[in-house]
N, C-alpha and C. Protein backbone atom coordinates (compact mmCIF):
# COMPACT_ATOMS: atom_id res chain seq x y z
N UNK A 1 145.31 108.25 32.01
CA UNK A 1 144.98 109.15 31.33
C UNK A 1 145.82 109.44 29.49
N UNK A 2 144.92 109.56 28.85
CA UNK A 2 145.49 109.76 27.57
C UNK A 2 145.30 110.80 26.60
N UNK A 3 145.35 111.95 26.51
CA UNK A 3 145.27 113.06 25.52
C UNK A 3 145.49 112.68 24.05
N UNK A 4 144.53 112.49 23.58
CA UNK A 4 144.16 111.82 21.97
C UNK A 4 144.46 112.97 21.03
N UNK A 5 145.34 113.44 20.10
CA UNK A 5 145.01 113.94 18.64
C UNK A 5 144.28 113.66 18.04
N UNK A 6 143.60 114.99 18.03
CA UNK A 6 142.84 115.71 17.00
C UNK A 6 142.75 115.68 15.94
N UNK A 7 142.37 114.98 14.60
CA UNK A 7 142.69 114.52 13.28
C UNK A 7 141.61 116.00 12.93
N UNK A 8 142.54 116.65 11.60
CA UNK A 8 142.07 118.02 10.88
C UNK A 8 141.52 117.64 9.95
N UNK A 9 140.76 118.54 9.70
CA UNK A 9 140.14 118.65 8.23
C UNK A 9 141.21 118.38 7.19
N UNK A 10 140.45 117.63 6.30
CA UNK A 10 141.85 117.01 5.34
C UNK A 10 142.36 115.71 5.65
N UNK A 11 141.88 115.01 6.82
CA UNK A 11 142.54 113.72 7.04
C UNK A 11 141.43 112.61 6.42
N UNK A 12 142.03 111.85 5.76
CA UNK A 12 141.11 110.57 5.60
C UNK A 12 140.48 110.60 6.34
N UNK A 13 140.51 109.63 7.33
CA UNK A 13 139.71 109.28 8.64
C UNK A 13 138.01 110.05 8.49
N UNK A 14 138.44 111.44 8.48
CA UNK A 14 137.66 112.18 8.56
C UNK A 14 136.45 112.51 7.12
N UNK A 15 136.92 111.83 6.41
CA UNK A 15 135.85 111.48 4.64
C UNK A 15 135.49 110.50 4.69
N UNK A 16 135.78 109.28 5.34
CA UNK A 16 134.47 108.00 4.87
C UNK A 16 133.68 107.86 6.28
N UNK A 17 133.11 107.18 6.02
CA UNK A 17 132.25 106.43 7.35
C UNK A 17 132.50 105.62 7.88
N UNK A 18 132.42 105.91 9.41
CA UNK A 18 132.71 104.90 10.26
C UNK A 18 131.85 103.67 10.74
N UNK A 19 132.92 102.70 10.78
CA UNK A 19 132.72 101.48 11.19
C UNK A 19 131.88 101.35 12.13
N UNK A 20 130.40 100.31 12.38
CA UNK A 20 129.69 100.12 13.41
C UNK A 20 130.65 99.45 14.61
N UNK A 21 130.31 100.06 16.09
CA UNK A 21 131.14 99.04 17.59
C UNK A 21 130.29 97.43 17.62
N UNK A 22 131.05 96.58 17.34
CA UNK A 22 130.59 95.38 17.44
C UNK A 22 130.22 95.20 19.00
N UNK A 23 131.25 95.65 19.81
CA UNK A 23 131.10 95.07 21.49
C UNK A 23 131.15 96.20 22.35
N UNK A 24 130.27 97.20 22.78
CA UNK A 24 130.66 97.90 23.45
C UNK A 24 131.60 98.12 24.41
N UNK A 25 131.44 96.48 25.08
CA UNK A 25 132.10 96.21 26.23
C UNK A 25 133.71 95.70 26.02
N UNK A 26 133.64 96.11 24.67
CA UNK A 26 135.16 95.25 24.27
C UNK A 26 135.81 96.23 25.31
N UNK A 27 137.70 95.68 25.10
CA UNK A 27 138.19 96.04 26.26
C UNK A 27 139.29 97.64 25.25
N UNK A 28 139.48 97.51 24.05
CA UNK A 28 139.71 98.75 23.42
C UNK A 28 138.08 99.78 23.59
N UNK A 29 137.44 99.34 23.25
CA UNK A 29 136.51 100.65 23.34
C UNK A 29 136.20 101.58 24.47
N UNK A 30 136.35 100.57 25.55
CA UNK A 30 136.06 101.07 26.88
C UNK A 30 137.83 102.25 27.45
N UNK A 31 138.28 101.71 26.54
CA UNK A 31 139.74 102.25 27.05
C UNK A 31 139.51 103.47 26.13
N UNK A 32 139.17 103.10 24.30
CA UNK A 32 138.91 104.53 23.40
C UNK A 32 137.96 105.73 24.60
N UNK A 33 136.85 105.38 24.59
CA UNK A 33 136.22 106.07 25.69
C UNK A 33 136.89 106.58 26.67
N UNK A 34 137.22 106.19 27.48
CA UNK A 34 137.92 106.98 28.88
C UNK A 34 139.32 108.04 28.02
N UNK A 35 139.64 107.42 26.77
CA UNK A 35 140.78 108.88 26.56
C UNK A 35 140.35 109.61 25.64
N UNK A 36 138.93 109.37 25.22
CA UNK A 36 138.06 110.30 24.89
C UNK A 36 137.54 111.60 25.47
N UNK A 37 137.29 111.09 26.77
CA UNK A 37 136.75 111.71 27.67
C UNK A 37 138.03 112.75 28.43
N UNK A 38 138.63 112.19 28.87
CA UNK A 38 140.31 112.71 29.05
C UNK A 38 140.73 113.77 27.66
N UNK A 39 140.56 113.29 26.85
CA UNK A 39 140.44 114.91 25.41
C UNK A 39 139.44 115.75 25.84
N UNK A 40 138.86 115.43 25.67
CA UNK A 40 137.21 116.06 25.16
C UNK A 40 137.93 117.22 26.96
N UNK A 41 137.56 116.56 28.10
CA UNK A 41 138.04 117.34 29.19
C UNK A 41 139.31 118.62 28.65
N UNK A 42 140.28 117.99 28.36
CA UNK A 42 141.25 118.86 28.01
C UNK A 42 141.44 119.87 27.76
N UNK A 43 140.48 120.00 26.02
CA UNK A 43 140.46 120.72 25.18
C UNK A 43 139.11 121.62 25.35
N UNK A 44 138.92 121.34 26.30
CA UNK A 44 136.85 121.79 26.78
C UNK A 44 136.18 122.14 25.82
N UNK A 45 135.76 121.42 24.89
CA UNK A 45 134.53 121.45 24.12
C UNK A 45 133.36 120.85 23.81
N UNK A 46 132.48 120.48 23.41
CA UNK A 46 131.18 120.31 23.84
C UNK A 46 131.23 118.98 23.54
N UNK A 47 131.89 118.38 22.12
CA UNK A 47 131.57 116.76 21.91
C UNK A 47 132.98 116.42 20.94
N UNK A 48 132.62 115.05 20.79
CA UNK A 48 134.17 114.49 20.49
C UNK A 48 133.60 113.12 19.40
N UNK A 49 133.72 112.84 18.22
CA UNK A 49 133.57 111.41 17.77
C UNK A 49 134.71 110.52 17.23
N UNK A 50 134.44 109.41 17.90
CA UNK A 50 135.85 109.02 17.42
C UNK A 50 136.84 108.59 16.23
N UNK A 51 136.47 109.26 14.78
CA UNK A 51 137.03 109.68 13.73
C UNK A 51 137.72 110.86 14.20
N UNK A 52 137.75 111.62 14.55
CA UNK A 52 138.01 113.25 14.99
C UNK A 52 139.35 112.76 15.92
N UNK A 53 139.39 111.56 16.52
CA UNK A 53 140.82 110.99 17.30
C UNK A 53 141.32 109.64 16.63
N UNK A 54 141.29 109.68 15.54
CA UNK A 54 141.93 108.70 14.38
C UNK A 54 141.08 107.41 14.35
N UNK A 55 140.33 107.22 14.89
CA UNK A 55 139.17 105.80 15.46
C UNK A 55 138.15 105.70 14.39
N UNK A 56 137.93 105.13 13.47
CA UNK A 56 136.79 105.05 12.84
C UNK A 56 135.82 104.06 13.27
N UNK A 57 135.10 104.40 13.75
CA UNK A 57 134.51 103.83 14.82
C UNK A 57 133.04 104.89 15.29
N UNK A 58 131.85 104.15 14.98
CA UNK A 58 130.64 104.72 15.23
C UNK A 58 130.52 104.87 16.77
N UNK A 59 131.28 106.01 17.26
CA UNK A 59 131.25 105.87 18.68
C UNK A 59 131.50 108.15 19.10
N UNK A 60 130.15 108.54 19.62
CA UNK A 60 130.53 110.08 20.24
C UNK A 60 130.43 110.18 21.70
N UNK A 61 131.20 111.25 22.36
CA UNK A 61 130.43 111.49 23.07
C UNK A 61 130.56 112.86 22.98
N UNK A 62 129.44 113.45 24.11
CA UNK A 62 129.04 114.65 24.06
C UNK A 62 128.77 115.47 25.36
N UNK A 63 128.23 116.60 25.18
CA UNK A 63 127.56 117.18 26.82
C UNK A 63 126.31 117.73 25.93
N UNK A 64 125.55 117.54 26.36
CA UNK A 64 123.98 117.53 25.67
C UNK A 64 123.45 119.15 25.87
N UNK A 65 123.25 119.82 27.35
CA UNK A 65 122.99 121.07 27.10
C UNK A 65 124.17 121.92 27.90
N UNK A 66 124.46 121.28 28.42
CA UNK A 66 125.76 122.42 28.73
C UNK A 66 127.49 121.34 29.31
N UNK A 67 128.42 122.08 29.50
CA UNK A 67 129.72 121.09 30.14
C UNK A 67 129.10 120.74 31.96
N UNK A 68 129.27 119.43 31.61
CA UNK A 68 129.03 118.46 33.11
C UNK A 68 130.35 117.79 33.08
N UNK A 69 130.39 117.27 33.87
CA UNK A 69 131.50 116.67 34.45
C UNK A 69 131.93 114.86 33.46
N UNK A 70 130.75 114.61 33.45
CA UNK A 70 130.40 113.59 32.43
C UNK A 70 129.55 113.42 31.17
N UNK A 71 130.58 112.80 30.20
CA UNK A 71 129.46 113.56 28.97
C UNK A 71 128.64 112.28 28.74
N UNK A 72 127.77 112.56 27.73
CA UNK A 72 126.70 110.85 27.34
C UNK A 72 127.28 110.46 26.46
N UNK A 73 126.99 109.27 26.36
CA UNK A 73 127.97 108.16 25.18
C UNK A 73 127.29 107.56 24.88
N UNK A 74 127.41 107.39 23.21
CA UNK A 74 126.70 107.01 21.88
C UNK A 74 127.32 106.41 21.13
N UNK A 75 126.73 105.28 21.15
CA UNK A 75 127.77 103.95 20.37
C UNK A 75 126.64 103.84 19.41
N UNK A 76 126.90 103.75 18.44
CA UNK A 76 126.43 102.99 17.02
C UNK A 76 124.39 104.06 16.46
N UNK A 77 125.01 105.34 16.93
CA UNK A 77 123.79 106.15 16.38
C UNK A 77 123.24 106.28 15.96
N UNK A 78 121.67 106.33 15.50
CA UNK A 78 120.77 106.59 14.45
C UNK A 78 120.41 108.03 14.99
N UNK A 79 120.05 108.96 13.84
CA UNK A 79 119.00 110.46 14.44
C UNK A 79 117.97 110.14 13.51
N UNK A 80 116.77 110.39 13.92
CA UNK A 80 115.27 110.47 13.05
C UNK A 80 114.92 112.20 13.20
N UNK A 81 115.23 113.32 12.42
CA UNK A 81 114.40 114.20 12.51
C UNK A 81 113.24 114.21 13.00
N UNK A 82 111.88 115.14 13.73
CA UNK A 82 111.26 115.11 14.75
C UNK A 82 110.78 116.32 13.69
N UNK A 83 109.90 116.32 12.93
CA UNK A 83 108.70 117.41 12.03
C UNK A 83 110.40 117.97 10.99
N UNK A 84 109.72 118.72 10.05
CA UNK A 84 110.30 119.35 9.43
C UNK A 84 111.39 120.94 9.76
N UNK A 85 110.85 121.37 10.61
CA UNK A 85 111.29 122.51 11.41
C UNK A 85 113.10 122.64 11.48
N UNK A 86 113.79 123.60 10.49
CA UNK A 86 115.21 123.35 10.86
C UNK A 86 115.59 125.08 11.75
N UNK A 87 116.98 124.85 12.03
CA UNK A 87 117.16 126.39 12.32
C UNK A 87 118.44 126.61 12.18
N UNK A 88 119.15 128.02 12.02
CA UNK A 88 120.27 127.90 11.56
C UNK A 88 121.15 128.36 12.91
N UNK A 89 122.55 127.78 12.53
CA UNK A 89 123.03 128.22 14.60
C UNK A 89 125.08 128.10 13.90
N UNK A 90 125.35 128.55 14.63
CA UNK A 90 126.80 129.06 14.83
C UNK A 90 127.23 127.53 15.13
N UNK A 91 128.46 127.16 14.49
CA UNK A 91 129.09 125.70 14.79
C UNK A 91 130.94 125.95 14.68
N UNK A 92 131.30 125.38 15.52
CA UNK A 92 132.77 125.68 15.25
C UNK A 92 132.84 123.64 15.71
N UNK A 93 134.17 123.74 15.21
CA UNK A 93 134.60 122.01 15.16
C UNK A 93 135.80 121.75 15.59
N UNK A 94 136.58 120.95 16.79
CA UNK A 94 137.67 120.38 16.64
C UNK A 94 139.00 120.33 15.70
N UNK A 95 137.80 119.67 14.80
CA UNK A 95 138.62 119.11 13.75
C UNK A 95 139.05 120.55 12.26
N UNK A 96 138.15 121.69 12.51
CA UNK A 96 138.14 122.66 11.87
C UNK A 96 138.60 123.56 12.66
N UNK A 97 139.61 124.03 13.41
CA UNK A 97 140.26 125.01 14.24
C UNK A 97 140.17 126.06 13.69
N UNK A 98 139.51 127.39 14.38
CA UNK A 98 139.81 128.43 14.34
C UNK A 98 138.84 129.23 13.17
N UNK A 99 137.99 128.37 12.75
CA UNK A 99 136.37 128.78 12.02
C UNK A 99 135.52 128.68 12.81
N UNK A 100 134.71 129.50 12.39
CA UNK A 100 133.02 129.30 12.70
C UNK A 100 131.96 129.45 11.51
N UNK A 101 130.96 128.38 11.54
CA UNK A 101 129.98 129.07 10.09
C UNK A 101 128.56 128.77 10.93
N UNK A 102 128.13 129.14 10.13
CA UNK A 102 126.39 129.00 10.03
C UNK A 102 125.80 128.05 9.34
N UNK A 103 125.43 127.01 9.95
CA UNK A 103 124.65 125.84 9.50
C UNK A 103 123.60 125.57 10.00
N UNK A 104 122.59 124.95 9.07
CA UNK A 104 121.21 124.63 8.96
C UNK A 104 121.27 123.15 9.99
N UNK A 105 120.25 122.77 10.84
CA UNK A 105 120.07 121.54 11.82
C UNK A 105 118.54 121.52 11.89
N UNK A 106 118.34 120.06 11.99
CA UNK A 106 116.37 119.89 12.49
C UNK A 106 116.68 120.11 13.76
N UNK A 107 115.36 121.27 14.28
CA UNK A 107 115.54 121.87 15.77
C UNK A 107 115.41 120.58 16.65
N UNK A 108 114.56 119.68 15.91
CA UNK A 108 114.08 118.59 17.08
C UNK A 108 114.54 117.21 16.53
N UNK A 109 115.28 116.07 17.22
CA UNK A 109 115.61 115.13 16.85
C UNK A 109 114.55 114.00 17.65
N UNK A 110 114.95 112.80 17.29
CA UNK A 110 115.27 111.32 18.58
C UNK A 110 116.45 110.76 17.81
N UNK A 111 117.06 110.27 19.18
CA UNK A 111 118.54 109.45 18.62
C UNK A 111 118.84 108.73 19.46
N UNK A 112 118.89 107.48 18.95
CA UNK A 112 119.06 106.16 19.57
C UNK A 112 120.49 105.59 19.37
N UNK A 113 120.96 104.63 20.23
CA UNK A 113 122.35 104.01 20.04
C UNK A 113 122.52 103.32 21.35
N UNK A 114 123.60 102.70 21.81
CA UNK A 114 123.82 102.11 23.10
C UNK A 114 125.02 103.52 23.99
N UNK A 115 124.60 102.49 24.93
CA UNK A 115 125.61 103.35 25.89
C UNK A 115 126.89 102.93 26.50
N UNK A 116 127.68 103.35 27.11
CA UNK A 116 128.86 102.99 27.16
C UNK A 116 128.71 101.07 28.00
N UNK A 117 127.77 100.43 28.95
CA UNK A 117 127.30 99.66 29.34
C UNK A 117 126.54 98.92 27.93
N UNK A 118 126.37 99.14 27.10
CA UNK A 118 125.65 98.57 25.86
C UNK A 118 124.14 98.45 26.05
N UNK A 119 123.47 98.95 26.92
CA UNK A 119 121.92 99.06 27.21
C UNK A 119 121.82 100.46 25.74
N UNK A 120 120.51 99.98 25.40
CA UNK A 120 119.31 100.71 24.86
C UNK A 120 119.38 102.28 24.98
N UNK A 121 119.55 102.93 24.29
CA UNK A 121 119.16 104.71 24.30
C UNK A 121 118.67 105.09 23.72
N UNK A 122 117.72 105.90 24.20
CA UNK A 122 117.01 106.59 23.06
C UNK A 122 116.31 107.68 23.91
N UNK A 123 116.27 109.03 23.20
CA UNK A 123 116.04 110.26 23.42
C UNK A 123 115.49 111.37 22.82
N UNK A 124 115.10 112.28 23.14
CA UNK A 124 114.56 113.25 22.28
C UNK A 124 114.95 114.76 22.60
N UNK A 125 115.59 115.38 21.43
CA UNK A 125 116.40 116.59 22.08
C UNK A 125 115.94 117.79 20.66
N UNK A 126 115.93 118.71 21.13
CA UNK A 126 115.91 120.29 20.42
C UNK A 126 116.85 121.29 20.88
N UNK A 127 116.63 122.33 19.70
CA UNK A 127 117.98 123.39 19.93
C UNK A 127 119.06 123.05 20.15
N UNK A 128 120.19 123.27 21.02
CA UNK A 128 121.25 122.73 21.01
C UNK A 128 121.51 121.79 21.19
N UNK A 129 121.08 121.14 22.43
CA UNK A 129 121.36 118.84 22.20
C UNK A 129 120.91 118.75 21.09
N UNK A 130 120.33 119.01 20.23
CA UNK A 130 119.66 118.60 18.77
C UNK A 130 120.98 119.15 18.43
N UNK A 131 121.55 119.85 18.14
CA UNK A 131 122.75 120.51 17.16
C UNK A 131 123.74 119.40 17.28
N UNK A 132 124.15 119.68 18.53
CA UNK A 132 125.60 119.06 19.41
C UNK A 132 125.91 117.84 18.84
N UNK A 133 124.18 116.86 18.71
CA UNK A 133 124.19 115.36 18.37
C UNK A 133 124.31 115.18 17.14
N UNK A 134 123.74 115.99 16.07
CA UNK A 134 123.59 116.14 14.49
C UNK A 134 125.21 116.21 14.15
N UNK A 135 125.94 117.72 14.85
CA UNK A 135 126.89 117.73 14.63
C UNK A 135 128.30 116.68 14.78
N UNK A 136 128.00 115.83 15.85
CA UNK A 136 129.28 115.40 16.38
C UNK A 136 128.67 113.71 15.31
N UNK A 137 127.31 113.19 15.40
CA UNK A 137 127.29 112.17 14.13
C UNK A 137 127.66 112.40 12.69
N UNK A 138 127.58 113.55 12.19
CA UNK A 138 128.23 113.40 11.12
C UNK A 138 129.40 113.58 11.06
N UNK A 139 130.46 113.43 11.98
CA UNK A 139 131.57 112.93 11.76
C UNK A 139 131.93 111.62 11.78
N UNK A 140 130.68 110.42 12.08
CA UNK A 140 130.53 109.78 11.84
C UNK A 140 130.54 109.19 10.29
N UNK A 141 129.86 109.71 9.95
CA UNK A 141 129.30 109.61 8.22
C UNK A 141 130.66 110.51 7.24
N UNK A 142 131.08 110.45 7.50
CA UNK A 142 132.54 111.65 7.00
C UNK A 142 132.13 112.76 6.46
N UNK A 143 131.05 113.73 7.52
CA UNK A 143 130.65 115.26 7.04
C UNK A 143 131.04 115.89 8.25
N UNK A 144 131.95 117.17 7.23
CA UNK A 144 131.99 117.98 8.75
C UNK A 144 131.62 119.16 8.28
N UNK A 145 131.28 120.05 9.38
CA UNK A 145 129.85 121.23 9.50
C UNK A 145 130.30 121.81 7.96
N UNK A 146 131.50 122.86 7.77
CA UNK A 146 131.58 123.07 6.39
C UNK A 146 130.53 122.71 5.36
N UNK A 147 130.76 121.53 5.54
CA UNK A 147 130.15 121.08 4.00
C UNK A 147 128.08 121.14 4.16
N UNK A 148 128.02 121.48 5.37
CA UNK A 148 126.01 121.87 5.63
C UNK A 148 125.79 122.84 5.00
N UNK A 149 127.36 123.84 5.12
CA UNK A 149 126.60 125.62 5.00
C UNK A 149 126.18 125.66 3.83
N UNK A 150 125.10 126.62 3.55
CA UNK A 150 124.53 126.54 2.23
C UNK A 150 124.92 128.36 2.19
N UNK A 151 125.79 128.72 2.95
CA UNK A 151 126.67 129.87 2.23
C UNK A 151 127.70 130.71 2.95
N UNK A 152 128.79 130.32 2.33
CA UNK A 152 130.04 130.27 2.69
C UNK A 152 130.33 131.65 3.28
N UNK A 153 129.54 132.47 3.01
CA UNK A 153 129.91 134.09 3.73
C UNK A 153 130.02 134.18 5.26
N UNK A 154 129.22 133.13 5.40
CA UNK A 154 128.87 133.13 6.94
C UNK A 154 129.94 131.69 7.66
N UNK A 155 131.28 131.74 7.29
CA UNK A 155 132.44 130.82 7.56
C UNK A 155 133.25 132.14 7.94
N UNK A 156 133.55 132.04 8.93
CA UNK A 156 134.63 133.33 9.54
C UNK A 156 135.89 132.48 10.35
N UNK A 157 136.81 133.34 10.30
CA UNK A 157 137.86 133.19 11.84
C UNK A 157 137.22 133.34 13.11
N UNK A 158 137.76 132.81 14.18
CA UNK A 158 136.75 132.51 15.33
C UNK A 158 137.59 134.35 16.19
N UNK A 159 138.87 134.61 15.36
CA UNK A 159 139.04 135.89 15.75
C UNK A 159 138.63 137.06 15.35
N UNK A 160 137.74 137.02 14.06
CA UNK A 160 137.00 138.24 13.57
C UNK A 160 135.49 137.97 14.36
N UNK A 161 135.21 136.56 14.61
CA UNK A 161 134.28 136.40 15.46
C UNK A 161 133.66 137.23 16.84
N UNK A 162 134.71 137.23 17.57
CA UNK A 162 134.97 138.05 18.80
C UNK A 162 134.59 139.50 18.40
N UNK A 163 134.78 140.20 17.59
CA UNK A 163 134.82 141.54 17.40
C UNK A 163 133.67 141.83 16.44
N UNK A 164 133.03 140.76 15.97
CA UNK A 164 131.61 140.82 15.18
C UNK A 164 130.81 140.55 14.50
N UNK A 165 130.42 139.20 15.45
CA UNK A 165 129.52 138.58 15.68
C UNK A 165 128.35 138.99 15.85
N UNK A 166 127.57 140.09 16.70
CA UNK A 166 127.02 140.76 16.64
C UNK A 166 126.39 141.48 15.54
N UNK A 167 127.23 142.07 14.61
CA UNK A 167 126.98 142.40 13.55
C UNK A 167 126.58 141.80 12.15
N UNK A 168 126.76 140.67 12.58
CA UNK A 168 126.11 139.94 11.19
C UNK A 168 124.63 139.50 11.25
N UNK A 169 124.41 139.60 10.24
CA UNK A 169 122.70 139.33 10.50
C UNK A 169 122.79 137.82 9.34
N UNK A 170 122.07 137.07 10.29
CA UNK A 170 121.62 135.59 9.54
C UNK A 170 120.25 135.92 8.70
N UNK A 171 120.84 135.05 7.45
CA UNK A 171 119.51 134.53 7.01
C UNK A 171 118.45 134.28 7.58
N UNK A 172 117.48 134.82 7.06
CA UNK A 172 115.87 134.15 8.12
C UNK A 172 115.25 133.01 7.75
N UNK A 173 115.81 132.47 6.39
CA UNK A 173 115.08 131.22 5.33
C UNK A 173 116.70 129.90 5.21
N UNK A 174 116.31 128.95 6.04
CA UNK A 174 117.09 127.99 5.69
C UNK A 174 116.69 127.18 4.47
N UNK A 175 117.48 127.13 3.53
CA UNK A 175 116.89 125.83 2.66
C UNK A 175 117.44 124.57 2.80
């Protein structure tokens, strides 16, 4: 079991596109996935991308609907929006600790890639599942959620969110 260090906003690994994984079964990829699962379990997050643990590879793990025993693993993912509908929602990030922000995301997506065994994965997702996948895959393109925010008034400290989140009225339109 290895708990990996999380890269924080400003680290170069989070600012550039990640490289494709050539061989999902390579020993270093298998070990990376195991260590990422251990790390995600230790910190109690919803998802984790390889660049967040200082590895510039196109690999993410996430809990689709709720935190379960084993997260989904997606290697070399591709996302396709299904329709034009977007939704605003609050997001946080292990690489942007202590903050939450309102981010527009596609409400419905199709994603594909490879699983832990190198088999093709293709799923449709909506709402929170779609948001989590989009958030994690953004890391693979060097994008953090504050870069997606159309209005930085909705970037708040988690300590304030605990006290005032119910009082914050979100805008109705998504740009």
